[in-house]
Amino acid sequence: MNDLAPKDPGYEARVRTSFASQGMMATLGASLVRVSPGLVEISLPACRAVSQQHGFVHAGAIASIADSAAGYAALTLMPPGAGVLTAEFKINLMAPGIGERMTARGRVIKAGRTLTLA
Protein backbone atom coordinates (compact mmCIF):
# COMPACT_ATOMS: atom_id res chain seq x y z
CA MET A 1 0.00 0.00 0.00
CA ASN A 2 1.24 3.50 -0.82
CA ASP A 3 2.11 5.39 2.39
CA LEU A 4 1.00 8.63 0.76
CA ALA A 5 -2.52 7.51 -0.07
CA PRO A 6 -5.11 9.58 1.83
CA LYS A 7 -7.41 7.53 4.07
CA ASP A 8 -9.98 10.33 4.06
CA PRO A 9 -11.40 11.54 0.73
CA GLY A 10 -12.24 14.82 2.46
CA TYR A 11 -8.68 15.39 3.72
CA GLU A 12 -8.24 18.75 1.99
CA ALA A 13 -11.42 20.28 3.39
CA ARG A 14 -10.58 18.91 6.84
CA VAL A 15 -7.10 20.47 6.74
CA ARG A 16 -8.42 23.81 5.47
CA THR A 17 -11.15 23.92 8.13
CA SER A 18 -8.69 23.08 10.88
CA PHE A 19 -6.17 25.65 9.67
CA ALA A 20 -8.87 28.34 9.58
CA SER A 21 -9.57 27.71 13.28
CA GLN A 22 -5.93 28.09 14.38
CA GLY A 23 -5.47 31.26 16.38
CA MET A 24 -1.67 31.18 16.10
CA MET A 25 -1.67 31.08 12.30
CA ALA A 26 -4.22 33.92 12.19
CA THR A 27 -2.15 35.96 14.66
CA LEU A 28 0.96 35.50 12.51
CA GLY A 29 -0.92 36.29 9.29
CA ALA A 30 -0.01 32.90 7.79
CA SER A 31 -1.98 31.34 4.95
CA LEU A 32 -2.45 27.84 3.65
CA VAL A 33 -1.03 27.72 0.12
CA ARG A 34 -1.05 24.05 -0.89
CA VAL A 35 -2.68 20.87 0.40
CA SER A 36 -2.03 17.52 -1.24
CA PRO A 37 -1.48 13.99 0.11
CA GLY A 38 1.55 14.12 2.39
CA LEU A 39 2.42 17.73 1.50
CA VAL A 40 1.29 21.09 2.87
CA GLU A 41 2.69 24.58 2.28
CA ILE A 42 2.09 27.52 4.60
CA SER A 43 3.13 31.05 3.70
CA LEU A 44 3.97 33.91 6.06
CA PRO A 45 4.38 37.48 4.84
CA ALA A 46 7.43 39.22 6.26
CA CYS A 47 6.30 42.26 8.22
CA ARG A 48 7.15 44.15 11.38
CA ALA A 49 4.65 42.11 13.42
CA VAL A 50 6.70 38.91 12.93
CA SER A 51 10.17 40.48 12.93
CA GLN A 52 12.91 40.39 15.51
CA GLN A 53 15.19 43.23 16.63
CA HIS A 54 17.43 43.09 13.54
CA GLY A 55 14.50 43.18 11.11
CA PHE A 56 14.62 39.49 10.13
CA VAL A 57 11.54 37.29 10.38
CA HIS A 58 11.59 35.90 13.92
CA ALA A 59 12.73 32.29 14.27
CA GLY A 60 9.67 31.60 16.45
CA ALA A 61 7.34 32.64 13.63
CA ILE A 62 9.26 30.50 11.13
CA ALA A 63 9.26 27.54 13.53
CA SER A 64 5.51 27.94 14.06
CA ILE A 65 4.64 27.71 10.38
CA ALA A 66 7.10 24.82 9.94
CA ASP A 67 5.48 22.90 12.81
CA SER A 68 1.99 23.48 11.42
CA ALA A 69 3.00 22.54 7.88
CA ALA A 70 4.50 19.25 9.08
CA GLY A 71 1.46 18.49 11.25
CA TYR A 72 -1.01 19.23 8.49
CA ALA A 73 1.01 17.17 6.01
CA ALA A 74 0.61 14.26 8.43
CA LEU A 75 -3.11 14.97 8.83
CA THR A 76 -3.67 14.63 5.06
CA LEU A 77 -2.90 10.91 5.43
CA MET A 78 -4.95 10.23 8.59
CA PRO A 79 -8.36 8.57 8.66
CA PRO A 80 -11.48 10.67 9.28
CA GLY A 81 -11.78 11.76 12.89
CA ALA A 82 -8.07 11.36 13.66
CA GLY A 83 -6.06 14.23 15.05
CA VAL A 84 -2.40 15.19 14.95
CA LEU A 85 -0.21 16.61 17.71
CA THR A 86 3.52 17.30 17.60
CA ALA A 87 5.47 14.70 19.56
CA GLU A 88 8.94 16.04 18.80
CA PHE A 89 10.22 19.03 16.90
CA LYS A 90 13.66 20.23 15.82
CA ILE A 91 14.60 23.04 13.49
CA ASN A 92 17.91 24.21 12.05
CA LEU A 93 17.87 27.69 10.57
CA MET A 94 20.47 28.02 7.83
CA ALA A 95 20.11 31.77 7.17
CA PRO A 96 18.23 34.77 8.53
CA GLY A 97 14.58 35.16 7.52
CA ILE A 98 14.98 37.73 4.75
CA GLY A 99 12.52 38.40 1.95
CA GLU A 100 8.92 39.29 1.35
CA ARG A 101 7.52 35.91 2.36
CA MET A 102 8.56 32.76 4.24
CA THR A 103 7.19 29.42 3.02
CA ALA A 104 7.14 26.27 5.11
CA ARG A 105 6.77 22.97 3.24
CA GLY A 106 5.65 20.06 5.38
CA ARG A 107 6.32 16.71 3.72
CA VAL A 108 5.62 13.25 5.12
CA ILE A 109 8.68 11.02 5.09
CA LYS A 110 7.04 8.00 6.72
CA ALA A 111 3.42 7.61 7.74
CA GLY A 112 3.29 5.28 10.72
CA ARG A 113 0.48 3.79 12.74
CA THR A 114 1.05 5.98 15.81
CA LEU A 115 3.84 8.36 14.72
CA THR A 116 4.36 10.05 11.38
CA LEU A 117 7.74 11.46 10.42
CA ALA A 118 7.40 14.75 8.53
C-alpha atoms as a PDB file:
ATOM      1  CA  MET A   1       0.000   0.000   0.000  1.00  0.00           C
ATOM      2  CA  ASN A   2       1.243   3.501  -0.824  1.00  0.00           C
ATOM      3  CA  ASP A   3       2.112   5.388   2.394  1.00  0.00           C
ATOM      4  CA  LEU A   4       1.001   8.629   0.760  1.00  0.00           C
ATOM      5  CA  ALA A   5      -2.518   7.507  -0.071  1.00  0.00           C
ATOM      6  CA  PRO A   6      -5.115   9.577   1.830  1.00  0.00           C
ATOM      7  CA  LYS A   7      -7.414   7.534   4.070  1.00  0.00           C
ATOM      8  CA  ASP A   8      -9.983  10.331   4.065  1.00  0.00           C
ATOM      9  CA  PRO A   9     -11.396  11.536   0.735  1.00  0.00           C
ATOM     10  CA  GLY A  10     -12.238  14.822   2.463  1.00  0.00           C
ATOM     11  CA  TYR A  11      -8.679  15.386   3.720  1.00  0.00           C
ATOM     12  CA  GLU A  12      -8.239  18.750   1.991  1.00  0.00           C
ATOM     13  CA  ALA A  13     -11.422  20.280   3.388  1.00  0.00           C
ATOM     14  CA  ARG A  14     -10.582  18.911   6.840  1.00  0.00           C
ATOM     15  CA  VAL A  15      -7.097  20.472   6.742  1.00  0.00           C
ATOM     16  CA  ARG A  16      -8.416  23.807   5.470  1.00  0.00           C
ATOM     17  CA  THR A  17     -11.154  23.919   8.126  1.00  0.00           C
ATOM     18  CA  SER A  18      -8.691  23.076  10.882  1.00  0.00           C
ATOM     19  CA  PHE A  19      -6.174  25.650   9.669  1.00  0.00           C
ATOM     20  CA  ALA A  20      -8.872  28.337   9.580  1.00  0.00           C
ATOM     21  CA  SER A  21      -9.573  27.712  13.278  1.00  0.00           C
ATOM     22  CA  GLN A  22      -5.929  28.091  14.376  1.00  0.00           C
ATOM     23  CA  GLY A  23      -5.469  31.258  16.381  1.00  0.00           C
ATOM     24  CA  MET A  24      -1.672  31.182  16.100  1.00  0.00           C
ATOM     25  CA  MET A  25      -1.671  31.078  12.303  1.00  0.00           C
ATOM     26  CA  ALA A  26      -4.220  33.923  12.185  1.00  0.00           C
ATOM     27  CA  THR A  27      -2.149  35.957  14.655  1.00  0.00           C
ATOM     28  CA  LEU A  28       0.962  35.501  12.514  1.00  0.00           C
ATOM     29  CA  GLY A  29      -0.918  36.289   9.286  1.00  0.00           C
ATOM     30  CA  ALA A  30      -0.012  32.904   7.791  1.00  0.00           C
ATOM     31  CA  SER A  31      -1.983  31.343   4.953  1.00  0.00           C
ATOM     32  CA  LEU A  32      -2.446  27.837   3.652  1.00  0.00           C
ATOM     33  CA  VAL A  33      -1.030  27.719   0.123  1.00  0.00           C
ATOM     34  CA  ARG A  34      -1.045  24.048  -0.886  1.00  0.00           C
ATOM     35  CA  VAL A  35      -2.684  20.872   0.401  1.00  0.00           C
ATOM     36  CA  SER A  36      -2.027  17.519  -1.241  1.00  0.00           C
ATOM     37  CA  PRO A  37      -1.485  13.992   0.111  1.00  0.00           C
ATOM     38  CA  GLY A  38       1.546  14.125   2.394  1.00  0.00           C
ATOM     39  CA  LEU A  39       2.421  17.726   1.496  1.00  0.00           C
ATOM     40  CA  VAL A  40       1.295  21.091   2.874  1.00  0.00           C
ATOM     41  CA  GLU A  41       2.690  24.577   2.280  1.00  0.00           C
ATOM     42  CA  ILE A  42       2.089  27.523   4.597  1.00  0.00           C
ATOM     43  CA  SER A  43       3.126  31.052   3.703  1.00  0.00           C
ATOM     44  CA  LEU A  44       3.966  33.907   6.056  1.00  0.00           C
ATOM     45  CA  PRO A  45       4.380  37.480   4.838  1.00  0.00           C
ATOM     46  CA  ALA A  46       7.431  39.218   6.264  1.00  0.00           C
ATOM     47  CA  CYS A  47       6.302  42.262   8.223  1.00  0.00           C
ATOM     48  CA  ARG A  48       7.148  44.152  11.382  1.00  0.00           C
ATOM     49  CA  ALA A  49       4.650  42.113  13.421  1.00  0.00           C
ATOM     50  CA  VAL A  50       6.702  38.912  12.926  1.00  0.00           C
ATOM     51  CA  SER A  51      10.169  40.480  12.927  1.00  0.00           C
ATOM     52  CA  GLN A  52      12.912  40.386  15.514  1.00  0.00           C
ATOM     53  CA  GLN A  53      15.187  43.226  16.629  1.00  0.00           C
ATOM     54  CA  HIS A  54      17.433  43.089  13.535  1.00  0.00           C
ATOM     55  CA  GLY A  55      14.501  43.184  11.111  1.00  0.00           C
ATOM     56  CA  PHE A  56      14.616  39.495  10.132  1.00  0.00           C
ATOM     57  CA  VAL A  57      11.540  37.293  10.378  1.00  0.00           C
ATOM     58  CA  HIS A  58      11.587  35.902  13.919  1.00  0.00           C
ATOM     59  CA  ALA A  59      12.726  32.293  14.273  1.00  0.00           C
ATOM     60  CA  GLY A  60       9.674  31.601  16.445  1.00  0.00           C
ATOM     61  CA  ALA A  61       7.343  32.636  13.631  1.00  0.00           C
ATOM     62  CA  ILE A  62       9.258  30.497  11.135  1.00  0.00           C
ATOM     63  CA  ALA A  63       9.256  27.539  13.532  1.00  0.00           C
ATOM     64  CA  SER A  64       5.506  27.937  14.064  1.00  0.00           C
ATOM     65  CA  ILE A  65       4.644  27.712  10.378  1.00  0.00           C
ATOM     66  CA  ALA A  66       7.101  24.816   9.943  1.00  0.00           C
ATOM     67  CA  ASP A  67       5.480  22.897  12.812  1.00  0.00           C
ATOM     68  CA  SER A  68       1.992  23.482  11.423  1.00  0.00           C
ATOM     69  CA  ALA A  69       3.004  22.545   7.876  1.00  0.00           C
ATOM     70  CA  ALA A  70       4.495  19.248   9.084  1.00  0.00           C
ATOM     71  CA  GLY A  71       1.461  18.487  11.252  1.00  0.00           C
ATOM     72  CA  TYR A  72      -1.010  19.227   8.490  1.00  0.00           C
ATOM     73  CA  ALA A  73       1.013  17.167   6.008  1.00  0.00           C
ATOM     74  CA  ALA A  74       0.612  14.255   8.429  1.00  0.00           C
ATOM     75  CA  LEU A  75      -3.112  14.967   8.828  1.00  0.00           C
ATOM     76  CA  THR A  76      -3.668  14.629   5.059  1.00  0.00           C
ATOM     77  CA  LEU A  77      -2.904  10.909   5.433  1.00  0.00           C
ATOM     78  CA  MET A  78      -4.946  10.232   8.587  1.00  0.00           C
ATOM     79  CA  PRO A  79      -8.364   8.566   8.657  1.00  0.00           C
ATOM     80  CA  PRO A  80     -11.479  10.666   9.276  1.00  0.00           C
ATOM     81  CA  GLY A  81     -11.780  11.762  12.888  1.00  0.00           C
ATOM     82  CA  ALA A  82      -8.066  11.359  13.658  1.00  0.00           C
ATOM     83  CA  GLY A  83      -6.056  14.231  15.046  1.00  0.00           C
ATOM     84  CA  VAL A  84      -2.399  15.193  14.955  1.00  0.00           C
ATOM     85  CA  LEU A  85      -0.205  16.608  17.715  1.00  0.00           C
ATOM     86  CA  THR A  86       3.515  17.303  17.598  1.00  0.00           C
ATOM     87  CA  ALA A  87       5.474  14.696  19.555  1.00  0.00           C
ATOM     88  CA  GLU A  88       8.944  16.042  18.800  1.00  0.00           C
ATOM     89  CA  PHE A  89      10.216  19.028  16.905  1.00  0.00           C
ATOM     90  CA  LYS A  90      13.663  20.231  15.821  1.00  0.00           C
ATOM     91  CA  ILE A  91      14.595  23.041  13.486  1.00  0.00           C
ATOM     92  CA  ASN A  92      17.912  24.209  12.053  1.00  0.00           C
ATOM     93  CA  LEU A  93      17.873  27.692  10.568  1.00  0.00           C
ATOM     94  CA  MET A  94      20.468  28.019   7.832  1.00  0.00           C
ATOM     95  CA  ALA A  95      20.110  31.766   7.170  1.00  0.00           C
ATOM     96  CA  PRO A  96      18.225  34.767   8.534  1.00  0.00           C
ATOM     97  CA  GLY A  97      14.577  35.158   7.521  1.00  0.00           C
ATOM     98  CA  ILE A  98      14.984  37.732   4.750  1.00  0.00           C
ATOM     99  CA  GLY A  99      12.517  38.400   1.953  1.00  0.00           C
ATOM    100  CA  GLU A 100       8.918  39.292   1.350  1.00  0.00           C
ATOM    101  CA  ARG A 101       7.520  35.907   2.361  1.00  0.00           C
ATOM    102  CA  MET A 102       8.556  32.762   4.237  1.00  0.00           C
ATOM    103  CA  THR A 103       7.191  29.425   3.017  1.00  0.00           C
ATOM    104  CA  ALA A 104       7.139  26.266   5.109  1.00  0.00           C
ATOM    105  CA  ARG A 105       6.768  22.970   3.244  1.00  0.00           C
ATOM    106  CA  GLY A 106       5.652  20.061   5.382  1.00  0.00           C
ATOM    107  CA  ARG A 107       6.321  16.705   3.720  1.00  0.00           C
ATOM    108  CA  VAL A 108       5.615  13.252   5.119  1.00  0.00           C
ATOM    109  CA  ILE A 109       8.680  11.024   5.095  1.00  0.00           C
ATOM    110  CA  LYS A 110       7.044   8.002   6.716  1.00  0.00           C
ATOM    111  CA  ALA A 111       3.424   7.612   7.740  1.00  0.00           C
ATOM    112  CA  GLY A 112       3.287   5.276  10.717  1.00  0.00           C
ATOM    113  CA  ARG A 113       0.476   3.786  12.741  1.00  0.00           C
ATOM    114  CA  THR A 114       1.055   5.978  15.807  1.00  0.00           C
ATOM    115  CA  LEU A 115       3.836   8.355  14.716  1.00  0.00           C
ATOM    116  CA  THR A 116       4.361  10.052  11.381  1.00  0.00           C
ATOM    117  CA  LEU A 117       7.738  11.463  10.419  1.00  0.00           C
ATOM    118  CA  ALA A 118       7.401  14.751   8.531  1.00  0.00           C
END
